[in-house]
Amino acid sequence: MNVRLLYFARLREVFATGQETPELPPGIQTLADLLDWLRQRGGVWAEELAAGRAYRVAINQDLIEQDAVLHENDEIALFPPVTGG
């Protein structure tokens, strides 16, 4: 399955990329699976996406939960929570 990953703000800086279009390995079906796969990269990936770290995820511009099922060509955005005033 192919997806488009977008990284914003702090995540774009620490991952040193704003986007990528990986072909996911077989077996990755949910957002939780994808996040586990990204954590396996180690280093800043494991640190920034660790349990308890503050970040949000949207699929096709809709905020979702980690049990969301992924589909071919989904756009998945990861970003830290933002505040405004």
C-alpha atoms as a PDB file:
ATOM      1  CA  MET A   1       0.000   0.000   0.000  1.00  0.00           C
ATOM      2  CA  ASN A   2       1.233   3.496  -0.841  1.00  0.00           C
ATOM      3  CA  VAL A   3       0.481   6.495   1.359  1.00  0.00           C
ATOM      4  CA  ARG A   4       1.660  10.091   1.535  1.00  0.00           C
ATOM      5  CA  LEU A   5       3.083  11.124   4.897  1.00  0.00           C
ATOM      6  CA  LEU A   6       3.256  14.820   5.783  1.00  0.00           C
ATOM      7  CA  TYR A   7       5.167  16.171   8.785  1.00  0.00           C
ATOM      8  CA  PHE A   8       4.574  19.644  10.216  1.00  0.00           C
ATOM      9  CA  ALA A   9       6.235  22.074  12.632  1.00  0.00           C
ATOM     10  CA  ARG A  10       8.543  20.402  15.183  1.00  0.00           C
ATOM     11  CA  LEU A  11       8.177  16.988  13.527  1.00  0.00           C
ATOM     12  CA  ARG A  12       9.295  18.302  10.137  1.00  0.00           C
ATOM     13  CA  GLU A  13      12.379  19.779  11.773  1.00  0.00           C
ATOM     14  CA  VAL A  14      13.460  16.735  13.783  1.00  0.00           C
ATOM     15  CA  PHE A  15      12.678  14.235  11.000  1.00  0.00           C
ATOM     16  CA  ALA A  16      14.504  16.488   8.495  1.00  0.00           C
ATOM     17  CA  THR A  17      11.727  16.046   5.928  1.00  0.00           C
ATOM     18  CA  GLY A  18       8.324  17.509   5.264  1.00  0.00           C
ATOM     19  CA  GLN A  19       6.909  14.536   3.409  1.00  0.00           C
ATOM     20  CA  GLU A  20       7.506  11.084   2.035  1.00  0.00           C
ATOM     21  CA  THR A  21       5.565   8.551  -0.008  1.00  0.00           C
ATOM     22  CA  PRO A  22       6.604   5.126   1.262  1.00  0.00           C
ATOM     23  CA  GLU A  23       5.235   1.825   0.113  1.00  0.00           C
ATOM     24  CA  LEU A  24       4.147   0.239   3.358  1.00  0.00           C
ATOM     25  CA  PRO A  25       5.163  -3.323   4.159  1.00  0.00           C
ATOM     26  CA  PRO A  26       2.454  -5.989   4.121  1.00  0.00           C
ATOM     27  CA  GLY A  27       0.532  -6.187   7.372  1.00  0.00           C
ATOM     28  CA  ILE A  28       0.276  -2.466   8.033  1.00  0.00           C
ATOM     29  CA  GLN A  29      -3.459  -1.869   8.041  1.00  0.00           C
ATOM     30  CA  THR A  30      -4.141   0.708  10.768  1.00  0.00           C
ATOM     31  CA  LEU A  31      -2.672   3.984  11.914  1.00  0.00           C
ATOM     32  CA  ALA A  32      -1.318   2.195  15.000  1.00  0.00           C
ATOM     33  CA  ASP A  33       0.536  -0.252  12.712  1.00  0.00           C
ATOM     34  CA  LEU A  34       1.985   2.663  10.738  1.00  0.00           C
ATOM     35  CA  LEU A  35       3.158   4.470  13.870  1.00  0.00           C
ATOM     36  CA  ASP A  36       4.818   1.282  15.152  1.00  0.00           C
ATOM     37  CA  TRP A  37       6.589   0.908  11.799  1.00  0.00           C
ATOM     38  CA  LEU A  38       7.819   4.511  11.921  1.00  0.00           C
ATOM     39  CA  ARG A  39       9.061   4.050  15.518  1.00  0.00           C
ATOM     40  CA  GLN A  40      11.133   1.080  14.357  1.00  0.00           C
ATOM     41  CA  ARG A  41      13.315   3.550  12.456  1.00  0.00           C
ATOM     42  CA  GLY A  42      14.758   4.351  15.875  1.00  0.00           C
ATOM     43  CA  GLY A  43      16.402   7.590  16.973  1.00  0.00           C
ATOM     44  CA  VAL A  44      14.239  10.702  16.704  1.00  0.00           C
ATOM     45  CA  TRP A  45      11.430   8.648  15.146  1.00  0.00           C
ATOM     46  CA  ALA A  46      11.116   6.448  18.216  1.00  0.00           C
ATOM     47  CA  GLU A  47      11.520   9.429  20.539  1.00  0.00           C
ATOM     48  CA  GLU A  48       9.025  11.812  18.887  1.00  0.00           C
ATOM     49  CA  LEU A  49       6.352   9.154  18.258  1.00  0.00           C
ATOM     50  CA  ALA A  50       6.697   7.462  21.653  1.00  0.00           C
ATOM     51  CA  ALA A  51       3.658   6.860  23.834  1.00  0.00           C
ATOM     52  CA  GLY A  52       2.898   9.953  25.846  1.00  0.00           C
ATOM     53  CA  ARG A  53       4.437  12.393  23.352  1.00  0.00           C
ATOM     54  CA  ALA A  54       2.121  15.150  22.149  1.00  0.00           C
ATOM     55  CA  TYR A  55       1.236  14.900  18.463  1.00  0.00           C
ATOM     56  CA  ARG A  56      -1.916  14.620  16.385  1.00  0.00           C
ATOM     57  CA  VAL A  57      -2.672  12.663  13.226  1.00  0.00           C
ATOM     58  CA  ALA A  58      -5.077  13.381  10.399  1.00  0.00           C
ATOM     59  CA  ILE A  59      -5.989  11.121   7.505  1.00  0.00           C
ATOM     60  CA  ASN A  60      -7.206  12.964   4.437  1.00  0.00           C
ATOM     61  CA  GLN A  61      -7.526  16.112   6.587  1.00  0.00           C
ATOM     62  CA  ASP A  62      -9.738  14.491   9.245  1.00  0.00           C
ATOM     63  CA  LEU A  63      -8.403  14.042  12.794  1.00  0.00           C
ATOM     64  CA  ILE A  64      -8.604  10.362  13.639  1.00  0.00           C
ATOM     65  CA  GLU A  65      -7.893   7.740  16.306  1.00  0.00           C
ATOM     66  CA  GLN A  66      -5.063   5.222  16.127  1.00  0.00           C
ATOM     67  CA  ASP A  67      -7.395   2.332  15.280  1.00  0.00           C
ATOM     68  CA  ALA A  68      -8.314   3.989  11.969  1.00  0.00           C
ATOM     69  CA  VAL A  69      -7.878   1.724   8.942  1.00  0.00           C
ATOM     70  CA  LEU A  70      -5.518   2.941   6.211  1.00  0.00           C
ATOM     71  CA  HIS A  71      -6.332   2.875   2.499  1.00  0.00           C
ATOM     72  CA  GLU A  72      -4.314   3.141  -0.688  1.00  0.00           C
ATOM     73  CA  ASN A  73      -3.146   6.729  -1.379  1.00  0.00           C
ATOM     74  CA  ASP A  74      -4.269   8.117   1.994  1.00  0.00           C
ATOM     75  CA  GLU A  75      -2.666  11.398   2.998  1.00  0.00           C
ATOM     76  CA  ILE A  76      -1.511  11.102   6.596  1.00  0.00           C
ATOM     77  CA  ALA A  77      -0.417  14.260   8.416  1.00  0.00           C
ATOM     78  CA  LEU A  78       1.466  14.211  11.712  1.00  0.00           C
ATOM     79  CA  PHE A  79       1.787  17.429  13.681  1.00  0.00           C
ATOM     80  CA  PRO A  80       2.211  18.697  17.215  1.00  0.00           C
ATOM     81  CA  PRO A  81      -0.818  20.171  18.956  1.00  0.00           C
ATOM     82  CA  VAL A  82      -1.143  23.905  18.365  1.00  0.00           C
ATOM     83  CA  THR A  83      -2.560  26.694  20.432  1.00  0.00           C
ATOM     84  CA  GLY A  84      -3.722  30.048  19.289  1.00  0.00           C
ATOM     85  CA  GLY A  85      -4.790  33.287  20.715  1.00  0.00           C
END
